[in-house]
Amino acid sequence: MIQLTLAPASCGSIEKPEIKLMIQPFQSSRRFVASSCCSIFLMGILILMPALADEPTNAVEAATKSTTTTSAVEQKYRAWKATLLPERQKWEDVLEANLGSFYFPAHMKEKAAGIENAWAYVEDVPRLPRVLLIGDSISRGYTQAVRKCLAGKANVHRAPANCGPTATGLKKLSAWLEGGPWDVIHFNFGIHDRNTADEVYAANLTELVEKLEKTGAKLVWATTTPTLDANNTEGFSPSRCVRLNEIATEVMSLHHIPVDDLFTFIQPHLSVMQKPGNVHFLEPGYDMLAEKVGAEIANAIASLPKPPQSIR
């Protein structure tokens, strides 16, 4: 029997979770062969069935991709929404205006089925610092695990979008920052900028940082996560990822912004944590990233003035 175990680190620590691969032979070789074939088949299905299949990873896809939903699902979602308190209904309105034709139908399906997702309404716990996550589908993937990691320590919100490239960030940032003030903003732009010219990426990122600095929040930059396979479905080459991180690190250094180096953290584990031929991760991979993100946010919270600006 083959078993993959992820032992999570403490959320207040940046120690890497321990990954164990355990192989236990069956007594019967025939049972081993049959069971192994069945296990490999099931593992293949799990790997190839993401929570949101074929997520858009560039601006064109984000604008044109759509997820279909039945009228019955939409009716169930609308009926559920009508039962919400006004502030929660307002949040659903914000999501409908921002998630687009791919993510909002998926959101409706999940809500109609009673499934929580990264864009769930966050009811703040009084006197806890407020955190905002800004990023693409990788950030979306670890959002819920970060919330669990920081439960009782912070109110963790995320921008109402798959935030896409820096160009979209410049257009939409003011809308994403609504609902402030924020004490910590953890952010990334990268995979969607793979076709952006170096000088444009640097200029856009600089402008975004300058806008974020005006919020008074403690900023934490997350490096763009790597991909193991150069022939991945998104056309995001490992060398391009390295170059984007180099540019971003230079910008953050000039602005004295701490860097959450997710690239270096996750790279040794890509073969077991990332979906084959893809930039996205399996659930244990997102959980592993969340431990690192949670630890970096906890460090940022520890450096905040007392009390933080959101509860003064």
C-alpha atoms as a PDB file:
ATOM      1  CA  MET A   1       0.000   0.000   0.000  1.00  0.00           C
ATOM      2  CA  ILE A   2       1.349   3.470  -0.891  1.00  0.00           C
ATOM      3  CA  GLN A   3       0.494   6.298   1.482  1.00  0.00           C
ATOM      4  CA  LEU A   4       1.411   9.992   1.223  1.00  0.00           C
ATOM      5  CA  THR A   5       1.334  11.842   4.530  1.00  0.00           C
ATOM      6  CA  LEU A   6       1.627  15.584   5.060  1.00  0.00           C
ATOM      7  CA  ALA A   7       2.482  16.566   8.623  1.00  0.00           C
ATOM      8  CA  PRO A   8       1.720  20.300   8.873  1.00  0.00           C
ATOM      9  CA  ALA A   9       3.996  22.697  10.676  1.00  0.00           C
ATOM     10  CA  SER A  10       2.798  25.100  13.322  1.00  0.00           C
ATOM     11  CA  CYS A  11       1.103  28.162  11.838  1.00  0.00           C
ATOM     12  CA  GLY A  12       3.364  30.403  13.867  1.00  0.00           C
ATOM     13  CA  SER A  13       6.439  28.760  12.377  1.00  0.00           C
ATOM     14  CA  ILE A  14       7.952  28.776   8.917  1.00  0.00           C
ATOM     15  CA  GLU A  15       9.322  25.262   9.293  1.00  0.00           C
ATOM     16  CA  LYS A  16       8.526  23.105   6.293  1.00  0.00           C
ATOM     17  CA  PRO A  17       5.878  20.433   6.756  1.00  0.00           C
ATOM     18  CA  GLU A  18       7.234  16.910   6.764  1.00  0.00           C
ATOM     19  CA  ILE A  19       6.309  14.736   3.808  1.00  0.00           C
ATOM     20  CA  LYS A  20       6.421  10.978   4.295  1.00  0.00           C
ATOM     21  CA  LEU A  21       6.043   8.349   1.600  1.00  0.00           C
ATOM     22  CA  MET A  22       5.215   4.980   3.138  1.00  0.00           C
ATOM     23  CA  ILE A  23       5.257   1.751   1.143  1.00  0.00           C
ATOM     24  CA  GLN A  24       3.794  -1.333   2.798  1.00  0.00           C
ATOM     25  CA  PRO A  25       3.909  -4.577   0.753  1.00  0.00           C
ATOM     26  CA  PHE A  26       0.888  -6.857   0.570  1.00  0.00           C
ATOM     27  CA  GLN A  27       1.306 -10.452   1.580  1.00  0.00           C
ATOM     28  CA  SER A  28       0.032 -11.672  -1.744  1.00  0.00           C
ATOM     29  CA  SER A  29       1.764 -10.509  -4.915  1.00  0.00           C
ATOM     30  CA  ARG A  30      -1.480 -10.883  -6.858  1.00  0.00           C
ATOM     31  CA  ARG A  31      -3.315  -8.720  -4.366  1.00  0.00           C
ATOM     32  CA  PHE A  32      -0.452  -6.201  -4.577  1.00  0.00           C
ATOM     33  CA  VAL A  33      -0.656  -5.962  -8.362  1.00  0.00           C
ATOM     34  CA  ALA A  34      -4.427  -5.675  -8.443  1.00  0.00           C
ATOM     35  CA  SER A  35      -4.577  -3.219  -5.571  1.00  0.00           C
ATOM     36  CA  SER A  36      -1.717  -1.158  -6.964  1.00  0.00           C
ATOM     37  CA  CYS A  37      -3.375  -0.840 -10.362  1.00  0.00           C
ATOM     38  CA  CYS A  38      -6.619   0.194  -8.708  1.00  0.00           C
ATOM     39  CA  SER A  39      -4.817   2.702  -6.456  1.00  0.00           C
ATOM     40  CA  ILE A  40      -2.910   4.228  -9.363  1.00  0.00           C
ATOM     41  CA  PHE A  41      -6.147   4.556 -11.340  1.00  0.00           C
ATOM     42  CA  LEU A  42      -7.926   6.257  -8.431  1.00  0.00           C
ATOM     43  CA  MET A  43      -4.968   8.546  -7.752  1.00  0.00           C
ATOM     44  CA  GLY A  44      -4.981   9.536 -11.417  1.00  0.00           C
ATOM     45  CA  ILE A  45      -8.638  10.484 -11.213  1.00  0.00           C
ATOM     46  CA  LEU A  46      -8.057  12.567  -8.088  1.00  0.00           C
ATOM     47  CA  ILE A  47      -5.105  14.354  -9.637  1.00  0.00           C
ATOM     48  CA  LEU A  48      -6.992  15.189 -12.801  1.00  0.00           C
ATOM     49  CA  MET A  49     -10.159  16.407 -11.034  1.00  0.00           C
ATOM     50  CA  PRO A  50      -9.412  19.891  -9.653  1.00  0.00           C
ATOM     51  CA  ALA A  51     -11.997  21.785  -7.653  1.00  0.00           C
ATOM     52  CA  LEU A  52     -12.268  24.202 -10.573  1.00  0.00           C
ATOM     53  CA  ALA A  53     -11.170  22.548 -13.801  1.00  0.00           C
ATOM     54  CA  ASP A  54      -9.058  24.447 -16.316  1.00  0.00           C
ATOM     55  CA  GLU A  55      -8.880  27.691 -14.375  1.00  0.00           C
ATOM     56  CA  PRO A  56      -7.922  30.703 -16.513  1.00  0.00           C
ATOM     57  CA  THR A  57      -4.294  31.776 -16.089  1.00  0.00           C
ATOM     58  CA  ASN A  58      -4.085  34.760 -18.413  1.00  0.00           C
ATOM     59  CA  ALA A  59      -6.091  37.899 -19.061  1.00  0.00           C
ATOM     60  CA  VAL A  60      -7.712  36.663 -22.280  1.00  0.00           C
ATOM     61  CA  GLU A  61      -8.872  33.404 -20.710  1.00  0.00           C
ATOM     62  CA  ALA A  62     -10.142  35.202 -17.636  1.00  0.00           C
ATOM     63  CA  ALA A  63     -12.247  37.479 -19.834  1.00  0.00           C
ATOM     64  CA  THR A  64     -13.621  34.803 -22.158  1.00  0.00           C
ATOM     65  CA  LYS A  65     -13.876  31.537 -20.235  1.00  0.00           C
ATOM     66  CA  SER A  66     -17.231  30.656 -18.769  1.00  0.00           C
ATOM     67  CA  THR A  67     -18.696  28.026 -16.496  1.00  0.00           C
ATOM     68  CA  THR A  68     -22.204  26.881 -17.299  1.00  0.00           C
ATOM     69  CA  THR A  69     -24.862  26.589 -14.627  1.00  0.00           C
ATOM     70  CA  THR A  70     -28.452  25.396 -14.813  1.00  0.00           C
ATOM     71  CA  SER A  71     -31.421  27.620 -14.127  1.00  0.00           C
ATOM     72  CA  ALA A  72     -32.314  25.362 -11.193  1.00  0.00           C
ATOM     73  CA  VAL A  73     -28.908  25.973  -9.609  1.00  0.00           C
ATOM     74  CA  GLU A  74     -29.204  29.707 -10.134  1.00  0.00           C
ATOM     75  CA  GLN A  75     -32.710  29.750  -8.668  1.00  0.00           C
ATOM     76  CA  LYS A  76     -31.474  27.860  -5.612  1.00  0.00           C
ATOM     77  CA  TYR A  77     -28.589  30.304  -5.234  1.00  0.00           C
ATOM     78  CA  ARG A  78     -30.887  33.346  -5.573  1.00  0.00           C
ATOM     79  CA  ALA A  79     -33.269  31.882  -3.008  1.00  0.00           C
ATOM     80  CA  TRP A  80     -30.369  31.301  -0.606  1.00  0.00           C
ATOM     81  CA  LYS A  81     -29.066  34.811  -1.161  1.00  0.00           C
ATOM     82  CA  ALA A  82     -32.499  36.284  -0.357  1.00  0.00           C
ATOM     83  CA  THR A  83     -32.284  34.780   3.142  1.00  0.00           C
ATOM     84  CA  LEU A  84     -29.031  36.612   3.956  1.00  0.00           C
ATOM     85  CA  LEU A  85     -28.593  39.715   6.045  1.00  0.00           C
ATOM     86  CA  PRO A  86     -28.114  42.927   4.009  1.00  0.00           C
ATOM     87  CA  GLU A  87     -24.321  43.105   4.469  1.00  0.00           C
ATOM     88  CA  ARG A  88     -23.940  39.522   3.269  1.00  0.00           C
ATOM     89  CA  GLN A  89     -26.190  40.160   0.278  1.00  0.00           C
ATOM     90  CA  LYS A  90     -24.017  43.155  -0.536  1.00  0.00           C
ATOM     91  CA  TRP A  91     -20.931  40.903  -0.549  1.00  0.00           C
ATOM     92  CA  GLU A  92     -22.651  38.526  -2.966  1.00  0.00           C
ATOM     93  CA  ASP A  93     -23.407  41.526  -5.194  1.00  0.00           C
ATOM     94  CA  VAL A  94     -19.722  42.445  -5.133  1.00  0.00           C
ATOM     95  CA  LEU A  95     -18.780  38.895  -6.146  1.00  0.00           C
ATOM     96  CA  GLU A  96     -21.290  38.865  -8.986  1.00  0.00           C
ATOM     97  CA  ALA A  97     -19.843  42.131 -10.288  1.00  0.00           C
ATOM     98  CA  ASN A  98     -16.229  40.948 -10.065  1.00  0.00           C
ATOM     99  CA  LEU A  99     -15.854  37.178 -10.429  1.00  0.00           C
ATOM    100  CA  GLY A 100     -16.739  37.026 -14.115  1.00  0.00           C
ATOM    101  CA  SER A 101     -18.278  34.342 -16.301  1.00  0.00           C
ATOM    102  CA  PHE A 102     -15.941  31.575 -15.125  1.00  0.00           C
ATOM    103  CA  TYR A 103     -15.781  31.964 -11.366  1.00  0.00           C
ATOM    104  CA  PHE A 104     -19.216  33.361 -10.504  1.00  0.00           C
ATOM    105  CA  PRO A 105     -21.226  30.429 -11.956  1.00  0.00           C
ATOM    106  CA  ALA A 106     -18.859  28.087 -10.097  1.00  0.00           C
ATOM    107  CA  HIS A 107     -19.461  30.129  -6.946  1.00  0.00           C
ATOM    108  CA  MET A 108     -23.244  29.843  -7.419  1.00  0.00           C
ATOM    109  CA  LYS A 109     -22.985  26.065  -7.815  1.00  0.00           C
ATOM    110  CA  GLU A 110     -20.971  25.729  -4.628  1.00  0.00           C
ATOM    111  CA  LYS A 111     -23.267  27.982  -2.614  1.00  0.00           C
ATOM    112  CA  ALA A 112     -26.344  26.177  -3.918  1.00  0.00           C
ATOM    113  CA  ALA A 113     -24.753  22.923  -2.738  1.00  0.00           C
ATOM    114  CA  GLY A 114     -23.858  24.396   0.651  1.00  0.00           C
ATOM    115  CA  ILE A 115     -20.112  24.369  -0.039  1.00  0.00           C
ATOM    116  CA  GLU A 116     -17.875  27.073   1.405  1.00  0.00           C
ATOM    117  CA  ASN A 117     -15.174  28.544  -0.842  1.00  0.00           C
ATOM    118  CA  ALA A 118     -12.414  31.147  -0.823  1.00  0.00           C
ATOM    119  CA  TRP A 119     -14.938  33.940  -1.426  1.00  0.00           C
ATOM    120  CA  ALA A 120     -17.097  33.170   1.589  1.00  0.00           C
ATOM    121  CA  TYR A 121     -18.319  36.185   3.525  1.00  0.00           C
ATOM    122  CA  VAL A 122     -15.999  36.863   6.463  1.00  0.00           C
ATOM    123  CA  GLU A 123     -17.647  38.075   9.645  1.00  0.00           C
ATOM    124  CA  ASP A 124     -14.876  39.775  11.570  1.00  0.00           C
ATOM    125  CA  VAL A 125     -14.067  38.699  15.087  1.00  0.00           C
ATOM    126  CA  PRO A 126     -13.847  41.944  17.095  1.00  0.00           C
ATOM    127  CA  ARG A 127     -10.378  43.247  17.957  1.00  0.00           C
ATOM    128  CA  LEU A 128      -8.508  40.896  15.671  1.00  0.00           C
ATOM    129  CA  PRO A 129      -6.316  42.393  12.911  1.00  0.00           C
ATOM    130  CA  ARG A 130      -7.727  42.388   9.379  1.00  0.00           C
ATOM    131  CA  VAL A 131      -5.816  40.683   6.576  1.00  0.00           C
ATOM    132  CA  LEU A 132      -6.425  40.916   2.821  1.00  0.00           C
ATOM    133  CA  LEU A 133      -5.132  38.332   0.328  1.00  0.00           C
ATOM    134  CA  ILE A 134      -4.632  39.537  -3.247  1.00  0.00           C
ATOM    135  CA  GLY A 135      -3.611  37.077  -5.939  1.00  0.00           C
ATOM    136  CA  ASP A 136      -4.580  34.643  -8.675  1.00  0.00           C
ATOM    137  CA  SER A 137      -5.864  31.055  -8.575  1.00  0.00           C
ATOM    138  CA  ILE A 138      -2.850  29.891  -6.553  1.00  0.00           C
ATOM    139  CA  SER A 139      -3.784  32.387  -3.838  1.00  0.00           C
ATOM    140  CA  ARG A 140      -7.416  31.325  -4.094  1.00  0.00           C
ATOM    141  CA  GLY A 141      -6.304  27.738  -3.621  1.00  0.00           C
ATOM    142  CA  TYR A 142      -4.676  28.365  -0.255  1.00  0.00           C
ATOM    143  CA  THR A 143      -7.114  30.996   1.078  1.00  0.00           C
ATOM    144  CA  GLN A 144      -9.332  28.681   3.111  1.00  0.00           C
ATOM    145  CA  ALA A 145      -6.372  26.862   4.642  1.00  0.00           C
ATOM    146  CA  VAL A 146      -4.813  30.212   5.622  1.00  0.00           C
ATOM    147  CA  ARG A 147      -8.056  31.137   7.375  1.00  0.00           C
ATOM    148  CA  LYS A 148      -7.876  27.913   9.383  1.00  0.00           C
ATOM    149  CA  CYS A 149      -4.227  28.536  10.159  1.00  0.00           C
ATOM    150  CA  LEU A 150      -4.911  32.033  11.495  1.00  0.00           C
ATOM    151  CA  ALA A 151      -8.233  31.281  13.213  1.00  0.00           C
ATOM    152  CA  GLY A 152      -8.391  33.266  16.425  1.00  0.00           C
ATOM    153  CA  LYS A 153      -5.427  35.385  15.315  1.00  0.00           C
ATOM    154  CA  ALA A 154      -6.719  37.369  12.327  1.00  0.00           C
ATOM    155  CA  ASN A 155      -9.742  38.020  10.124  1.00  0.00           C
ATOM    156  CA  VAL A 156      -8.588  36.796   6.711  1.00  0.00           C
ATOM    157  CA  HIS A 157     -10.389  38.249   3.686  1.00  0.00           C
ATOM    158  CA  ARG A 158      -9.567  37.930   0.010  1.00  0.00           C
ATOM    159  CA  ALA A 159     -10.099  40.203  -2.973  1.00  0.00           C
ATOM    160  CA  PRO A 160     -13.374  39.448  -4.815  1.00  0.00           C
ATOM    161  CA  ALA A 161     -11.607  38.192  -7.940  1.00  0.00           C
ATOM    162  CA  ASN A 162      -8.996  35.982  -9.498  1.00  0.00           C
ATOM    163  CA  CYS A 163      -6.788  39.068  -9.573  1.00  0.00           C
ATOM    164  CA  GLY A 164      -4.958  38.248 -12.796  1.00  0.00           C
ATOM    165  CA  PRO A 165      -2.117  40.365 -14.220  1.00  0.00           C
ATOM    166  CA  THR A 166      -0.710  43.650 -12.939  1.00  0.00           C
ATOM    167  CA  ALA A 167      -2.653  45.555 -15.618  1.00  0.00           C
ATOM    168  CA  THR A 168      -5.918  44.288 -14.120  1.00  0.00           C
ATOM    169  CA  GLY A 169      -4.629  45.108 -10.659  1.00  0.00           C
ATOM    170  CA  LEU A 170      -4.129  48.741 -11.623  1.00  0.00           C
ATOM    171  CA  LYS A 171      -7.712  48.922 -12.907  1.00  0.00           C
ATOM    172  CA  LYS A 172      -9.385  47.043 -10.074  1.00  0.00           C
ATOM    173  CA  LEU A 173      -7.266  47.684  -6.982  1.00  0.00           C
ATOM    174  CA  SER A 174      -9.482  50.400  -5.526  1.00  0.00           C
ATOM    175  CA  ALA A 175     -12.472  48.031  -5.662  1.00  0.00           C
ATOM    176  CA  TRP A 176     -10.470  45.218  -4.048  1.00  0.00           C
ATOM    177  CA  LEU A 177      -9.411  47.497  -1.198  1.00  0.00           C
ATOM    178  CA  GLU A 178     -12.990  48.429  -0.320  1.00  0.00           C
ATOM    179  CA  GLY A 179     -14.015  47.164   3.071  1.00  0.00           C
ATOM    180  CA  GLY A 180     -10.814  48.413   4.716  1.00  0.00           C
ATOM    181  CA  PRO A 181      -8.932  49.501   6.676  1.00  0.00           C
ATOM    182  CA  TRP A 182      -6.520  46.582   6.359  1.00  0.00           C
ATOM    183  CA  ASP A 183      -3.703  45.782   8.749  1.00  0.00           C
ATOM    184  CA  VAL A 184      -1.813  43.295   6.551  1.00  0.00           C
ATOM    185  CA  ILE A 185      -2.007  42.833   2.776  1.00  0.00           C
ATOM    186  CA  HIS A 186      -0.375  39.686   1.360  1.00  0.00           C
ATOM    187  CA  PHE A 187      -0.182  39.979  -2.434  1.00  0.00           C
ATOM    188  CA  ASN A 188       1.168  38.471  -5.656  1.00  0.00           C
ATOM    189  CA  PHE A 189       1.019  39.064  -9.404  1.00  0.00           C
ATOM    190  CA  GLY A 190       3.011  36.769 -11.669  1.00  0.00           C
ATOM    191  CA  ILE A 191       1.598  33.818 -13.584  1.00  0.00           C
ATOM    192  CA  HIS A 192      -0.836  36.027 -15.511  1.00  0.00           C
ATOM    193  CA  ASP A 193       2.040  38.377 -16.383  1.00  0.00           C
ATOM    194  CA  ARG A 194       4.086  35.701 -18.149  1.00  0.00           C
ATOM    195  CA  ASN A 195       3.648  37.515 -21.485  1.00  0.00           C
ATOM    196  CA  THR A 196       4.093  41.008 -20.046  1.00  0.00           C
ATOM    197  CA  ALA A 197       7.314  42.789 -21.060  1.00  0.00           C
ATOM    198  CA  ASP A 198       9.850  43.012 -18.229  1.00  0.00           C
ATOM    199  CA  GLU A 199       9.846  46.800 -18.106  1.00  0.00           C
ATOM    200  CA  VAL A 200       6.032  46.948 -18.117  1.00  0.00           C
ATOM    201  CA  TYR A 201       5.795  44.344 -15.340  1.00  0.00           C
ATOM    202  CA  ALA A 202       8.291  46.297 -13.225  1.00  0.00           C
ATOM    203  CA  ALA A 203       6.486  49.605 -13.823  1.00  0.00           C
ATOM    204  CA  ASN A 204       3.041  48.145 -13.116  1.00  0.00           C
ATOM    205  CA  LEU A 205       4.240  46.416  -9.979  1.00  0.00           C
ATOM    206  CA  THR A 206       5.899  49.602  -8.747  1.00  0.00           C
ATOM    207  CA  GLU A 207       2.673  51.551  -9.246  1.00  0.00           C
ATOM    208  CA  LEU A 208       0.663  48.878  -7.450  1.00  0.00           C
ATOM    209  CA  VAL A 209       3.065  48.913  -4.504  1.00  0.00           C
ATOM    210  CA  GLU A 210       2.834  52.687  -4.259  1.00  0.00           C
ATOM    211  CA  LYS A 211      -0.957  52.478  -4.189  1.00  0.00           C
ATOM    212  CA  LEU A 212      -0.891  49.717  -1.568  1.00  0.00           C
ATOM    213  CA  GLU A 213       1.524  51.670   0.617  1.00  0.00           C
ATOM    214  CA  LYS A 214      -1.067  54.448   0.895  1.00  0.00           C
ATOM    215  CA  THR A 215      -3.394  52.074   2.754  1.00  0.00           C
ATOM    216  CA  GLY A 216      -1.074  52.092   5.772  1.00  0.00           C
ATOM    217  CA  ALA A 217      -1.184  48.279   5.876  1.00  0.00           C
ATOM    218  CA  LYS A 218       1.846  46.099   6.476  1.00  0.00           C
ATOM    219  CA  LEU A 219       2.635  44.666   3.018  1.00  0.00           C
ATOM    220  CA  VAL A 220       3.967  41.176   2.321  1.00  0.00           C
ATOM    221  CA  TRP A 221       4.904  40.137  -1.221  1.00  0.00           C
ATOM    222  CA  ALA A 222       4.564  36.470  -2.209  1.00  0.00           C
ATOM    223  CA  THR A 223       6.895  35.201  -4.908  1.00  0.00           C
ATOM    224  CA  THR A 224       5.289  33.453  -7.865  1.00  0.00           C
ATOM    225  CA  THR A 225       5.200  29.683  -7.434  1.00  0.00           C
ATOM    226  CA  PRO A 226       7.136  27.516  -9.917  1.00  0.00           C
ATOM    227  CA  THR A 227       6.083  24.754 -12.243  1.00  0.00           C
ATOM    228  CA  LEU A 228       7.892  21.447 -12.620  1.00  0.00           C
ATOM    229  CA  ASP A 229       6.967  20.830 -16.252  1.00  0.00           C
ATOM    230  CA  ALA A 230       8.105  23.301 -18.915  1.00  0.00           C
ATOM    231  CA  ASN A 231       5.367  21.896 -21.187  1.00  0.00           C
ATOM    232  CA  ASN A 232       2.530  22.723 -18.781  1.00  0.00           C
ATOM    233  CA  THR A 233      -0.920  23.506 -20.139  1.00  0.00           C
ATOM    234  CA  GLU A 234      -0.604  27.206 -19.278  1.00  0.00           C
ATOM    235  CA  GLY A 235       2.622  27.776 -21.243  1.00  0.00           C
ATOM    236  CA  PHE A 236       4.374  29.164 -18.166  1.00  0.00           C
ATOM    237  CA  SER A 237       8.054  28.298 -18.439  1.00  0.00           C
ATOM    238  CA  PRO A 238      10.242  27.767 -15.349  1.00  0.00           C
ATOM    239  CA  SER A 239      12.723  30.332 -16.682  1.00  0.00           C
ATOM    240  CA  ARG A 240       9.992  32.957 -17.047  1.00  0.00           C
ATOM    241  CA  CYS A 241       8.899  32.331 -13.483  1.00  0.00           C
ATOM    242  CA  VAL A 242      12.449  32.918 -12.266  1.00  0.00           C
ATOM    243  CA  ARG A 243      12.721  36.158 -14.237  1.00  0.00           C
ATOM    244  CA  LEU A 244       9.412  37.521 -12.924  1.00  0.00           C
ATOM    245  CA  ASN A 245      10.528  36.796  -9.380  1.00  0.00           C
ATOM    246  CA  GLU A 246      13.828  38.557  -9.980  1.00  0.00           C
ATOM    247  CA  ILE A 247      12.031  41.684 -11.183  1.00  0.00           C
ATOM    248  CA  ALA A 248       9.523  41.604  -8.338  1.00  0.00           C
ATOM    249  CA  THR A 249      12.224  41.078  -5.703  1.00  0.00           C
ATOM    250  CA  GLU A 250      14.046  44.172  -6.975  1.00  0.00           C
ATOM    251  CA  VAL A 251      10.863  46.242  -6.689  1.00  0.00           C
ATOM    252  CA  MET A 252      10.136  44.961  -3.180  1.00  0.00           C
ATOM    253  CA  SER A 253      13.706  45.620  -2.068  1.00  0.00           C
ATOM    254  CA  LEU A 254      13.462  49.254  -3.175  1.00  0.00           C
ATOM    255  CA  HIS A 255      10.278  49.630  -1.125  1.00  0.00           C
ATOM    256  CA  HIS A 256      11.526  47.632   1.881  1.00  0.00           C
ATOM    257  CA  ILE A 257       8.674  45.129   1.599  1.00  0.00           C
ATOM    258  CA  PRO A 258       9.246  41.689   3.142  1.00  0.00           C
ATOM    259  CA  VAL A 259       9.091  38.735   0.764  1.00  0.00           C
ATOM    260  CA  ASP A 260       7.235  35.485   1.402  1.00  0.00           C
ATOM    261  CA  ASP A 261       9.366  33.231  -0.808  1.00  0.00           C
ATOM    262  CA  LEU A 262       6.809  30.615  -1.817  1.00  0.00           C
ATOM    263  CA  PHE A 263       8.903  29.764  -4.893  1.00  0.00           C
ATOM    264  CA  THR A 264      11.871  28.465  -2.896  1.00  0.00           C
ATOM    265  CA  PHE A 265       9.634  26.924  -0.241  1.00  0.00           C
ATOM    266  CA  ILE A 266       7.529  24.743  -2.541  1.00  0.00           C
ATOM    267  CA  GLN A 267      10.018  23.979  -5.325  1.00  0.00           C
ATOM    268  CA  PRO A 268      11.566  20.854  -3.711  1.00  0.00           C
ATOM    269  CA  HIS A 269       8.089  19.336  -3.344  1.00  0.00           C
ATOM    270  CA  LEU A 270       6.585  19.964  -6.791  1.00  0.00           C
ATOM    271  CA  SER A 271       6.745  16.325  -7.873  1.00  0.00           C
ATOM    272  CA  VAL A 272       4.266  15.315  -5.160  1.00  0.00           C
ATOM    273  CA  MET A 273       2.414  18.582  -4.501  1.00  0.00           C
ATOM    274  CA  GLN A 274       1.671  19.952  -7.989  1.00  0.00           C
ATOM    275  CA  LYS A 275      -0.736  18.657 -10.612  1.00  0.00           C
ATOM    276  CA  PRO A 276       1.165  17.092 -13.530  1.00  0.00           C
ATOM    277  CA  GLY A 277       1.682  19.460 -16.465  1.00  0.00           C
ATOM    278  CA  ASN A 278       0.041  22.320 -14.590  1.00  0.00           C
ATOM    279  CA  VAL A 279       0.762  25.397 -12.479  1.00  0.00           C
ATOM    280  CA  HIS A 280      -1.901  24.500  -9.905  1.00  0.00           C
ATOM    281  CA  PHE A 281      -1.484  22.317  -6.851  1.00  0.00           C
ATOM    282  CA  LEU A 282      -3.103  19.330  -5.220  1.00  0.00           C
ATOM    283  CA  GLU A 283      -4.871  19.985  -1.909  1.00  0.00           C
ATOM    284  CA  PRO A 284      -1.829  18.941   0.198  1.00  0.00           C
ATOM    285  CA  GLY A 285       0.202  21.430  -1.842  1.00  0.00           C
ATOM    286  CA  TYR A 286      -2.198  24.265  -1.074  1.00  0.00           C
ATOM    287  CA  ASP A 287      -2.203  23.255   2.590  1.00  0.00           C
ATOM    288  CA  MET A 288       1.588  23.346   2.582  1.00  0.00           C
ATOM    289  CA  LEU A 289       1.635  26.802   0.987  1.00  0.00           C
ATOM    290  CA  ALA A 290      -0.942  27.982   3.519  1.00  0.00           C
ATOM    291  CA  GLU A 291       1.336  27.039   6.412  1.00  0.00           C
ATOM    292  CA  LYS A 292       4.055  29.270   4.955  1.00  0.00           C
ATOM    293  CA  VAL A 293       1.661  32.112   4.149  1.00  0.00           C
ATOM    294  CA  GLY A 294       0.098  31.886   7.597  1.00  0.00           C
ATOM    295  CA  ALA A 295       3.513  32.037   9.279  1.00  0.00           C
ATOM    296  CA  GLU A 296       4.554  35.105   7.271  1.00  0.00           C
ATOM    297  CA  ILE A 297       1.286  36.883   8.028  1.00  0.00           C
ATOM    298  CA  ALA A 298       1.687  36.032  11.717  1.00  0.00           C
ATOM    299  CA  ASN A 299       5.141  37.634  11.600  1.00  0.00           C
ATOM    300  CA  ALA A 300       3.661  40.737   9.983  1.00  0.00           C
ATOM    301  CA  ILE A 301       0.923  40.921  12.617  1.00  0.00           C
ATOM    302  CA  ALA A 302       3.550  40.719  15.370  1.00  0.00           C
ATOM    303  CA  SER A 303       5.203  43.854  13.952  1.00  0.00           C
ATOM    304  CA  LEU A 304       1.998  45.923  13.855  1.00  0.00           C
ATOM    305  CA  PRO A 305       1.484  48.876  16.191  1.00  0.00           C
ATOM    306  CA  LYS A 306      -0.736  48.234  19.187  1.00  0.00           C
ATOM    307  CA  PRO A 307      -3.605  48.429  18.524  1.00  0.00           C
ATOM    308  CA  PRO A 308      -3.535  47.966  14.721  1.00  0.00           C
ATOM    309  CA  GLN A 309      -5.185  50.618  12.570  1.00  0.00           C
ATOM    310  CA  SER A 310      -8.348  48.620  11.885  1.00  0.00           C
ATOM    311  CA  ILE A 311      -9.391  48.620  15.560  1.00  0.00           C
ATOM    312  CA  ARG A 312      -8.199  52.011  16.790  1.00  0.00           C
END
